[in-house]
Amino acid sequence: MITLIFQTVGSSTRDLGSLNVGDEVAHITGPLGKPTKIEKVGAVCAIGGGVGIALLYPIARGFKEAGNKLTVILGARTKELLILEKEMTALASEIMLCTDDGSLGRKAMVTALVDDVLARPEKPDEFVVVGPGRMMQAVCNQTRKFGIPTIVSLNPIMVDGTGMCGGCRVTVAGETRFACVDGPEFDGHQVDFDELIQRQSYYRSEEGAAIAHQKDECKLKGATGDK
């Protein structure tokens, strides 16, 4: 059995969200890319933002099982969007929560909690960050000052998952890499986040058109009584 965690944003995730018990999905591809490099390094700070928390969970679990002391920082816009709190709490020696609106944990961005961790005499030996591009970029800027290794999991646009289409290309240490085969995890201090974030918006107009078409189809079905 596998568990899928997704946030309804575009037309594809809207379709997934409309499925009922017993419905089927024709194909699922994955896992893609390279496995996470997990080893005992000492103390690890795992940071998840929004739906990135779903990706962070198995990574955090792996570091815990490898014998590391685990500090977890989770952030989201609201309490409702902060997921897997109980599961992460079971893994972590320390868990720190924040939301943009203050509905759960501290009213702050995750960077404020990272500042608290970095202000301690004993700092983590490694950071792992998964979330929105700007969040990952900001955390990497913080950890870079202390020379602490920081791994990020990137989420560029992926189409075929084989590296052939080039949609998921990112620049890391000045070289072009493909997240679906070379990643998705890279040294965060070497990632060109500005390019990554710019590329993520390339198909925004097409995504908007797909959602509009989907809504029109729903209205048509409702008017005709089709299911």
C-alpha atoms as a PDB file:
ATOM      1  CA  MET A   1       0.000   0.000   0.000  1.00  0.00           C
ATOM      2  CA  ILE A   2       1.159   3.538  -0.716  1.00  0.00           C
ATOM      3  CA  THR A   3      -0.092   6.846   0.663  1.00  0.00           C
ATOM      4  CA  LEU A   4      -0.456   9.856  -1.624  1.00  0.00           C
ATOM      5  CA  ILE A   5      -0.436  13.330  -0.095  1.00  0.00           C
ATOM      6  CA  PHE A   6      -1.210  16.227  -2.408  1.00  0.00           C
ATOM      7  CA  GLN A   7      -2.541  19.762  -2.361  1.00  0.00           C
ATOM      8  CA  THR A   8      -5.317  20.705  -4.761  1.00  0.00           C
ATOM      9  CA  VAL A   9      -3.879  23.437  -6.969  1.00  0.00           C
ATOM     10  CA  GLY A  10      -4.183  22.670 -10.680  1.00  0.00           C
ATOM     11  CA  SER A  11      -6.530  20.643 -12.865  1.00  0.00           C
ATOM     12  CA  SER A  12      -4.751  17.316 -12.263  1.00  0.00           C
ATOM     13  CA  THR A  13      -4.867  17.581  -8.488  1.00  0.00           C
ATOM     14  CA  ARG A  14      -8.484  18.727  -8.729  1.00  0.00           C
ATOM     15  CA  ASP A  15      -9.206  15.507 -10.614  1.00  0.00           C
ATOM     16  CA  LEU A  16      -7.454  13.477  -7.916  1.00  0.00           C
ATOM     17  CA  GLY A  17      -9.396  15.275  -5.215  1.00  0.00           C
ATOM     18  CA  SER A  18     -12.693  14.397  -6.883  1.00  0.00           C
ATOM     19  CA  LEU A  19     -12.060  10.635  -6.722  1.00  0.00           C
ATOM     20  CA  ASN A  20     -14.166   8.460  -4.442  1.00  0.00           C
ATOM     21  CA  VAL A  21     -13.381   5.217  -2.635  1.00  0.00           C
ATOM     22  CA  GLY A  22     -13.071   2.485  -5.248  1.00  0.00           C
ATOM     23  CA  ASP A  23     -12.100   4.803  -8.112  1.00  0.00           C
ATOM     24  CA  GLU A  24      -8.911   4.034  -9.992  1.00  0.00           C
ATOM     25  CA  VAL A  25      -5.903   5.920 -11.338  1.00  0.00           C
ATOM     26  CA  ALA A  26      -4.479   4.440 -14.517  1.00  0.00           C
ATOM     27  CA  HIS A  27      -0.772   4.949 -13.867  1.00  0.00           C
ATOM     28  CA  ILE A  28       1.616   6.088 -11.159  1.00  0.00           C
ATOM     29  CA  THR A  29       5.310   6.678 -11.896  1.00  0.00           C
ATOM     30  CA  GLY A  30       7.967   6.736  -9.232  1.00  0.00           C
ATOM     31  CA  PRO A  31      10.044   7.037  -7.275  1.00  0.00           C
ATOM     32  CA  LEU A  32      12.097   9.271  -9.540  1.00  0.00           C
ATOM     33  CA  GLY A  33      15.690  10.398  -9.206  1.00  0.00           C
ATOM     34  CA  LYS A  34      18.285   9.304  -6.703  1.00  0.00           C
ATOM     35  CA  PRO A  35      17.665   8.050  -3.166  1.00  0.00           C
ATOM     36  CA  THR A  36      18.296  10.362  -0.254  1.00  0.00           C
ATOM     37  CA  LYS A  37      21.801  10.091   1.163  1.00  0.00           C
ATOM     38  CA  ILE A  38      21.113   9.192   4.760  1.00  0.00           C
ATOM     39  CA  GLU A  39      23.865   8.523   7.279  1.00  0.00           C
ATOM     40  CA  LYS A  40      24.663   9.183  10.890  1.00  0.00           C
ATOM     41  CA  VAL A  41      26.066  12.702  11.067  1.00  0.00           C
ATOM     42  CA  GLY A  42      25.090  13.617  14.646  1.00  0.00           C
ATOM     43  CA  ALA A  43      22.385  16.272  14.838  1.00  0.00           C
ATOM     44  CA  VAL A  44      20.039  16.997  11.941  1.00  0.00           C
ATOM     45  CA  CYS A  45      17.549  19.843  11.614  1.00  0.00           C
ATOM     46  CA  ALA A  46      14.717  18.920   9.237  1.00  0.00           C
ATOM     47  CA  ILE A  47      12.586  21.814   7.977  1.00  0.00           C
ATOM     48  CA  GLY A  48       9.300  21.472   6.101  1.00  0.00           C
ATOM     49  CA  GLY A  49       7.054  24.144   4.657  1.00  0.00           C
ATOM     50  CA  GLY A  50       3.486  23.553   3.486  1.00  0.00           C
ATOM     51  CA  VAL A  51       3.019  20.440   1.358  1.00  0.00           C
ATOM     52  CA  GLY A  52       6.800  19.967   1.511  1.00  0.00           C
ATOM     53  CA  ILE A  53       6.220  18.430   4.944  1.00  0.00           C
ATOM     54  CA  ALA A  54       4.888  15.334   3.165  1.00  0.00           C
ATOM     55  CA  LEU A  55       8.193  14.894   1.335  1.00  0.00           C
ATOM     56  CA  LEU A  56      10.188  15.646   4.446  1.00  0.00           C
ATOM     57  CA  TYR A  57       8.576  12.949   6.594  1.00  0.00           C
ATOM     58  CA  PRO A  58      10.265   9.831   5.117  1.00  0.00           C
ATOM     59  CA  ILE A  59      13.585  11.698   4.992  1.00  0.00           C
ATOM     60  CA  ALA A  60      13.315  12.702   8.645  1.00  0.00           C
ATOM     61  CA  ARG A  61      12.351   9.150   9.559  1.00  0.00           C
ATOM     62  CA  GLY A  62      15.402   7.836   7.741  1.00  0.00           C
ATOM     63  CA  PHE A  63      17.770  10.162   9.585  1.00  0.00           C
ATOM     64  CA  LYS A  64      16.168   9.215  12.901  1.00  0.00           C
ATOM     65  CA  GLU A  65      16.512   5.503  12.184  1.00  0.00           C
ATOM     66  CA  ALA A  66      20.179   6.103  11.283  1.00  0.00           C
ATOM     67  CA  GLY A  67      20.776   7.260  14.847  1.00  0.00           C
ATOM     68  CA  ASN A  68      20.733  11.035  14.458  1.00  0.00           C
ATOM     69  CA  LYS A  69      19.345  13.528  16.966  1.00  0.00           C
ATOM     70  CA  LEU A  70      16.469  15.149  15.115  1.00  0.00           C
ATOM     71  CA  THR A  71      15.116  18.673  15.416  1.00  0.00           C
ATOM     72  CA  VAL A  72      12.060  19.335  13.251  1.00  0.00           C
ATOM     73  CA  ILE A  73      10.722  22.737  12.181  1.00  0.00           C
ATOM     74  CA  LEU A  74       7.337  22.796  10.448  1.00  0.00           C
ATOM     75  CA  GLY A  75       5.621  25.818   8.966  1.00  0.00           C
ATOM     76  CA  ALA A  76       2.471  26.541   6.972  1.00  0.00           C
ATOM     77  CA  ARG A  77       0.069  29.374   6.224  1.00  0.00           C
ATOM     78  CA  THR A  78      -2.578  28.081   8.651  1.00  0.00           C
ATOM     79  CA  LYS A  79      -3.149  25.322  11.205  1.00  0.00           C
ATOM     80  CA  GLU A  80      -5.255  23.400   8.671  1.00  0.00           C
ATOM     81  CA  LEU A  81      -2.365  23.299   6.199  1.00  0.00           C
ATOM     82  CA  LEU A  82       0.246  22.073   8.681  1.00  0.00           C
ATOM     83  CA  ILE A  83       0.243  18.312   8.203  1.00  0.00           C
ATOM     84  CA  LEU A  84       1.856  15.263   9.841  1.00  0.00           C
ATOM     85  CA  GLU A  85       2.459  17.021  13.158  1.00  0.00           C
ATOM     86  CA  LYS A  86       1.840  13.859  15.208  1.00  0.00           C
ATOM     87  CA  GLU A  87       4.036  11.706  12.977  1.00  0.00           C
ATOM     88  CA  MET A  88       6.901  14.201  13.101  1.00  0.00           C
ATOM     89  CA  THR A  89       6.554  14.638  16.869  1.00  0.00           C
ATOM     90  CA  ALA A  90       7.034  10.891  17.303  1.00  0.00           C
ATOM     91  CA  LEU A  91      10.377  11.126  15.481  1.00  0.00           C
ATOM     92  CA  ALA A  92      11.842  14.334  16.805  1.00  0.00           C
ATOM     93  CA  SER A  93      13.821  15.093  19.929  1.00  0.00           C
ATOM     94  CA  GLU A  94      12.453  18.609  19.483  1.00  0.00           C
ATOM     95  CA  ILE A  95       9.673  19.944  17.257  1.00  0.00           C
ATOM     96  CA  MET A  96       9.041  23.620  16.513  1.00  0.00           C
ATOM     97  CA  LEU A  97       5.873  24.832  14.800  1.00  0.00           C
ATOM     98  CA  CYS A  98       4.920  28.103  13.147  1.00  0.00           C
ATOM     99  CA  THR A  99       2.095  29.464  11.005  1.00  0.00           C
ATOM    100  CA  ASP A 100       1.699  32.705   9.092  1.00  0.00           C
ATOM    101  CA  ASP A 101      -1.522  33.564  10.947  1.00  0.00           C
ATOM    102  CA  GLY A 102      -0.490  32.260  14.377  1.00  0.00           C
ATOM    103  CA  SER A 103      -3.247  29.630  14.466  1.00  0.00           C
ATOM    104  CA  LEU A 104      -0.702  26.961  15.495  1.00  0.00           C
ATOM    105  CA  GLY A 105       2.662  27.398  17.131  1.00  0.00           C
ATOM    106  CA  ARG A 106       4.522  30.650  16.747  1.00  0.00           C
ATOM    107  CA  LYS A 107       3.262  33.372  14.421  1.00  0.00           C
ATOM    108  CA  ALA A 108       6.350  33.565  12.258  1.00  0.00           C
ATOM    109  CA  MET A 109       8.130  32.261   9.204  1.00  0.00           C
ATOM    110  CA  VAL A 110      10.339  29.179   9.549  1.00  0.00           C
ATOM    111  CA  THR A 111      13.393  31.415   9.148  1.00  0.00           C
ATOM    112  CA  ALA A 112      12.706  32.916  12.572  1.00  0.00           C
ATOM    113  CA  LEU A 113      12.841  29.453  14.141  1.00  0.00           C
ATOM    114  CA  VAL A 114      15.993  28.642  12.186  1.00  0.00           C
ATOM    115  CA  ASP A 115      17.585  31.766  13.656  1.00  0.00           C
ATOM    116  CA  ASP A 116      16.786  30.405  17.118  1.00  0.00           C
ATOM    117  CA  VAL A 117      18.446  27.077  16.323  1.00  0.00           C
ATOM    118  CA  LEU A 118      21.518  28.730  14.826  1.00  0.00           C
ATOM    119  CA  ALA A 119      21.885  30.978  17.876  1.00  0.00           C
ATOM    120  CA  ARG A 120      22.542  27.958  20.098  1.00  0.00           C
ATOM    121  CA  PRO A 121      26.114  27.042  21.096  1.00  0.00           C
ATOM    122  CA  GLU A 122      25.678  23.531  19.663  1.00  0.00           C
ATOM    123  CA  LYS A 123      24.447  23.812  16.105  1.00  0.00           C
ATOM    124  CA  PRO A 124      23.106  21.014  13.873  1.00  0.00           C
ATOM    125  CA  ASP A 125      25.598  19.107  11.774  1.00  0.00           C
ATOM    126  CA  GLU A 126      23.261  19.132   8.776  1.00  0.00           C
ATOM    127  CA  PHE A 127      20.049  20.760   7.587  1.00  0.00           C
ATOM    128  CA  VAL A 128      17.426  19.225   5.316  1.00  0.00           C
ATOM    129  CA  VAL A 129      14.855  21.606   3.831  1.00  0.00           C
ATOM    130  CA  VAL A 130      11.742  20.902   1.743  1.00  0.00           C
ATOM    131  CA  GLY A 131       9.175  23.526   0.819  1.00  0.00           C
ATOM    132  CA  PRO A 132       8.544  26.572  -1.369  1.00  0.00           C
ATOM    133  CA  GLY A 133      11.530  27.827  -3.331  1.00  0.00           C
ATOM    134  CA  ARG A 134      11.860  31.146  -1.528  1.00  0.00           C
ATOM    135  CA  MET A 135      11.690  29.415   1.842  1.00  0.00           C
ATOM    136  CA  MET A 136      14.452  26.988   0.915  1.00  0.00           C
ATOM    137  CA  GLN A 137      16.540  29.823  -0.491  1.00  0.00           C
ATOM    138  CA  ALA A 138      16.150  31.874   2.698  1.00  0.00           C
ATOM    139  CA  VAL A 139      17.142  28.973   4.946  1.00  0.00           C
ATOM    140  CA  CYS A 140      20.174  28.227   2.771  1.00  0.00           C
ATOM    141  CA  ASN A 141      21.266  31.844   3.098  1.00  0.00           C
ATOM    142  CA  GLN A 142      21.079  31.445   6.878  1.00  0.00           C
ATOM    143  CA  THR A 143      23.026  28.189   7.091  1.00  0.00           C
ATOM    144  CA  ARG A 144      25.624  29.298   4.540  1.00  0.00           C
ATOM    145  CA  LYS A 145      26.940  31.846   7.049  1.00  0.00           C
ATOM    146  CA  PHE A 146      27.846  28.982   9.383  1.00  0.00           C
ATOM    147  CA  GLY A 147      29.082  26.579   6.707  1.00  0.00           C
ATOM    148  CA  ILE A 148      26.539  23.941   7.710  1.00  0.00           C
ATOM    149  CA  PRO A 149      25.708  21.415   4.926  1.00  0.00           C
ATOM    150  CA  THR A 150      22.143  21.976   3.736  1.00  0.00           C
ATOM    151  CA  ILE A 151      20.235  19.617   1.465  1.00  0.00           C
ATOM    152  CA  VAL A 152      17.144  20.803  -0.407  1.00  0.00           C
ATOM    153  CA  SER A 153      14.544  18.819  -2.350  1.00  0.00           C
ATOM    154  CA  LEU A 154      13.586  20.711  -5.505  1.00  0.00           C
ATOM    155  CA  ASN A 155      10.206  20.760  -7.194  1.00  0.00           C
ATOM    156  CA  PRO A 156      10.690  22.092 -10.730  1.00  0.00           C
ATOM    157  CA  ILE A 157       8.188  21.279 -13.462  1.00  0.00           C
ATOM    158  CA  MET A 158       8.461  17.597 -14.392  1.00  0.00           C
ATOM    159  CA  VAL A 159       6.872  16.131 -17.513  1.00  0.00           C
ATOM    160  CA  ASP A 160       8.253  12.749 -18.566  1.00  0.00           C
ATOM    161  CA  GLY A 161      10.352  11.896 -15.511  1.00  0.00           C
ATOM    162  CA  THR A 162      13.257  10.584 -17.606  1.00  0.00           C
ATOM    163  CA  GLY A 163      15.319  13.721 -18.168  1.00  0.00           C
ATOM    164  CA  MET A 164      14.460  13.776 -21.879  1.00  0.00           C
ATOM    165  CA  CYS A 165      12.060  16.753 -21.914  1.00  0.00           C
ATOM    166  CA  GLY A 166      14.329  19.083 -19.954  1.00  0.00           C
ATOM    167  CA  GLY A 167      11.398  20.639 -18.116  1.00  0.00           C
ATOM    168  CA  CYS A 168      12.932  19.965 -14.710  1.00  0.00           C
ATOM    169  CA  ARG A 169      16.364  21.396 -15.449  1.00  0.00           C
ATOM    170  CA  VAL A 170      17.980  23.441 -12.721  1.00  0.00           C
ATOM    171  CA  THR A 171      21.372  25.045 -12.337  1.00  0.00           C
ATOM    172  CA  VAL A 172      23.497  23.663  -9.514  1.00  0.00           C
ATOM    173  CA  ALA A 173      27.084  24.844  -8.996  1.00  0.00           C
ATOM    174  CA  GLY A 174      26.911  26.480 -12.428  1.00  0.00           C
ATOM    175  CA  GLU A 175      25.969  23.261 -14.219  1.00  0.00           C
ATOM    176  CA  THR A 176      22.639  22.149 -15.685  1.00  0.00           C
ATOM    177  CA  ARG A 177      21.112  19.263 -13.806  1.00  0.00           C
ATOM    178  CA  PHE A 178      17.797  17.451 -14.202  1.00  0.00           C
ATOM    179  CA  ALA A 179      15.831  17.050 -10.986  1.00  0.00           C
ATOM    180  CA  CYS A 180      13.962  13.921 -12.087  1.00  0.00           C
ATOM    181  CA  VAL A 181      17.155  11.919 -12.674  1.00  0.00           C
ATOM    182  CA  ASP A 182      19.993  13.819 -10.924  1.00  0.00           C
ATOM    183  CA  GLY A 183      17.894  14.949  -7.954  1.00  0.00           C
ATOM    184  CA  PRO A 184      15.525  15.882  -6.567  1.00  0.00           C
ATOM    185  CA  GLU A 185      17.945  16.642  -3.721  1.00  0.00           C
ATOM    186  CA  PHE A 186      20.918  18.927  -4.127  1.00  0.00           C
ATOM    187  CA  ASP A 187      23.362  20.995  -2.115  1.00  0.00           C
ATOM    188  CA  GLY A 188      21.207  24.008  -1.312  1.00  0.00           C
ATOM    189  CA  HIS A 189      24.198  26.337  -1.196  1.00  0.00           C
ATOM    190  CA  GLN A 190      24.859  25.586  -4.876  1.00  0.00           C
ATOM    191  CA  VAL A 191      21.309  25.932  -6.289  1.00  0.00           C
ATOM    192  CA  ASP A 192      20.278  28.876  -8.473  1.00  0.00           C
ATOM    193  CA  PHE A 193      16.945  29.475  -6.745  1.00  0.00           C
ATOM    194  CA  ASP A 194      16.059  32.566  -8.767  1.00  0.00           C
ATOM    195  CA  GLU A 195      16.146  30.511 -11.962  1.00  0.00           C
ATOM    196  CA  LEU A 196      14.201  27.673 -10.322  1.00  0.00           C
ATOM    197  CA  ILE A 197      11.408  29.964  -9.164  1.00  0.00           C
ATOM    198  CA  GLN A 198      11.205  31.736 -12.507  1.00  0.00           C
ATOM    199  CA  ARG A 199      10.883  28.453 -14.378  1.00  0.00           C
ATOM    200  CA  GLN A 200       8.113  27.244 -12.065  1.00  0.00           C
ATOM    201  CA  SER A 201       5.848  29.994 -13.415  1.00  0.00           C
ATOM    202  CA  TYR A 202       6.367  29.224 -17.122  1.00  0.00           C
ATOM    203  CA  TYR A 203       3.050  27.404 -17.615  1.00  0.00           C
ATOM    204  CA  ARG A 204       0.890  29.457 -15.276  1.00  0.00           C
ATOM    205  CA  SER A 205      -1.375  30.733 -18.080  1.00  0.00           C
ATOM    206  CA  GLU A 206      -1.853  27.195 -19.419  1.00  0.00           C
ATOM    207  CA  GLU A 207      -2.668  25.953 -15.913  1.00  0.00           C
ATOM    208  CA  GLY A 208      -5.250  28.716 -15.548  1.00  0.00           C
ATOM    209  CA  ALA A 209      -6.827  27.790 -18.871  1.00  0.00           C
ATOM    210  CA  ALA A 210      -6.991  24.107 -17.878  1.00  0.00           C
ATOM    211  CA  ILE A 211      -8.758  24.947 -14.609  1.00  0.00           C
ATOM    212  CA  ALA A 212     -11.216  27.239 -16.428  1.00  0.00           C
ATOM    213  CA  HIS A 213     -11.975  24.462 -18.938  1.00  0.00           C
ATOM    214  CA  GLN A 214     -12.483  22.004 -16.096  1.00  0.00           C
ATOM    215  CA  LYS A 215     -14.952  24.341 -14.385  1.00  0.00           C
ATOM    216  CA  ASP A 216     -16.870  24.832 -17.651  1.00  0.00           C
ATOM    217  CA  GLU A 217     -17.165  21.055 -18.051  1.00  0.00           C
ATOM    218  CA  CYS A 218     -18.515  20.734 -14.506  1.00  0.00           C
ATOM    219  CA  LYS A 219     -21.112  23.413 -15.187  1.00  0.00           C
ATOM    220  CA  LEU A 220     -22.122  21.675 -18.411  1.00  0.00           C
ATOM    221  CA  LYS A 221     -22.508  18.328 -16.668  1.00  0.00           C
ATOM    222  CA  GLY A 222     -24.559  19.946 -13.952  1.00  0.00           C
ATOM    223  CA  ALA A 223     -26.853  21.594 -16.483  1.00  0.00           C
ATOM    224  CA  THR A 224     -27.410  18.364 -18.424  1.00  0.00           C
ATOM    225  CA  GLY A 225     -27.655  16.112 -15.374  1.00  0.00           C
ATOM    226  CA  ASP A 226     -24.669  14.005 -16.451  1.00  0.00           C
ATOM    227  CA  LYS A 227     -22.482  12.344 -13.820  1.00  0.00           C
END
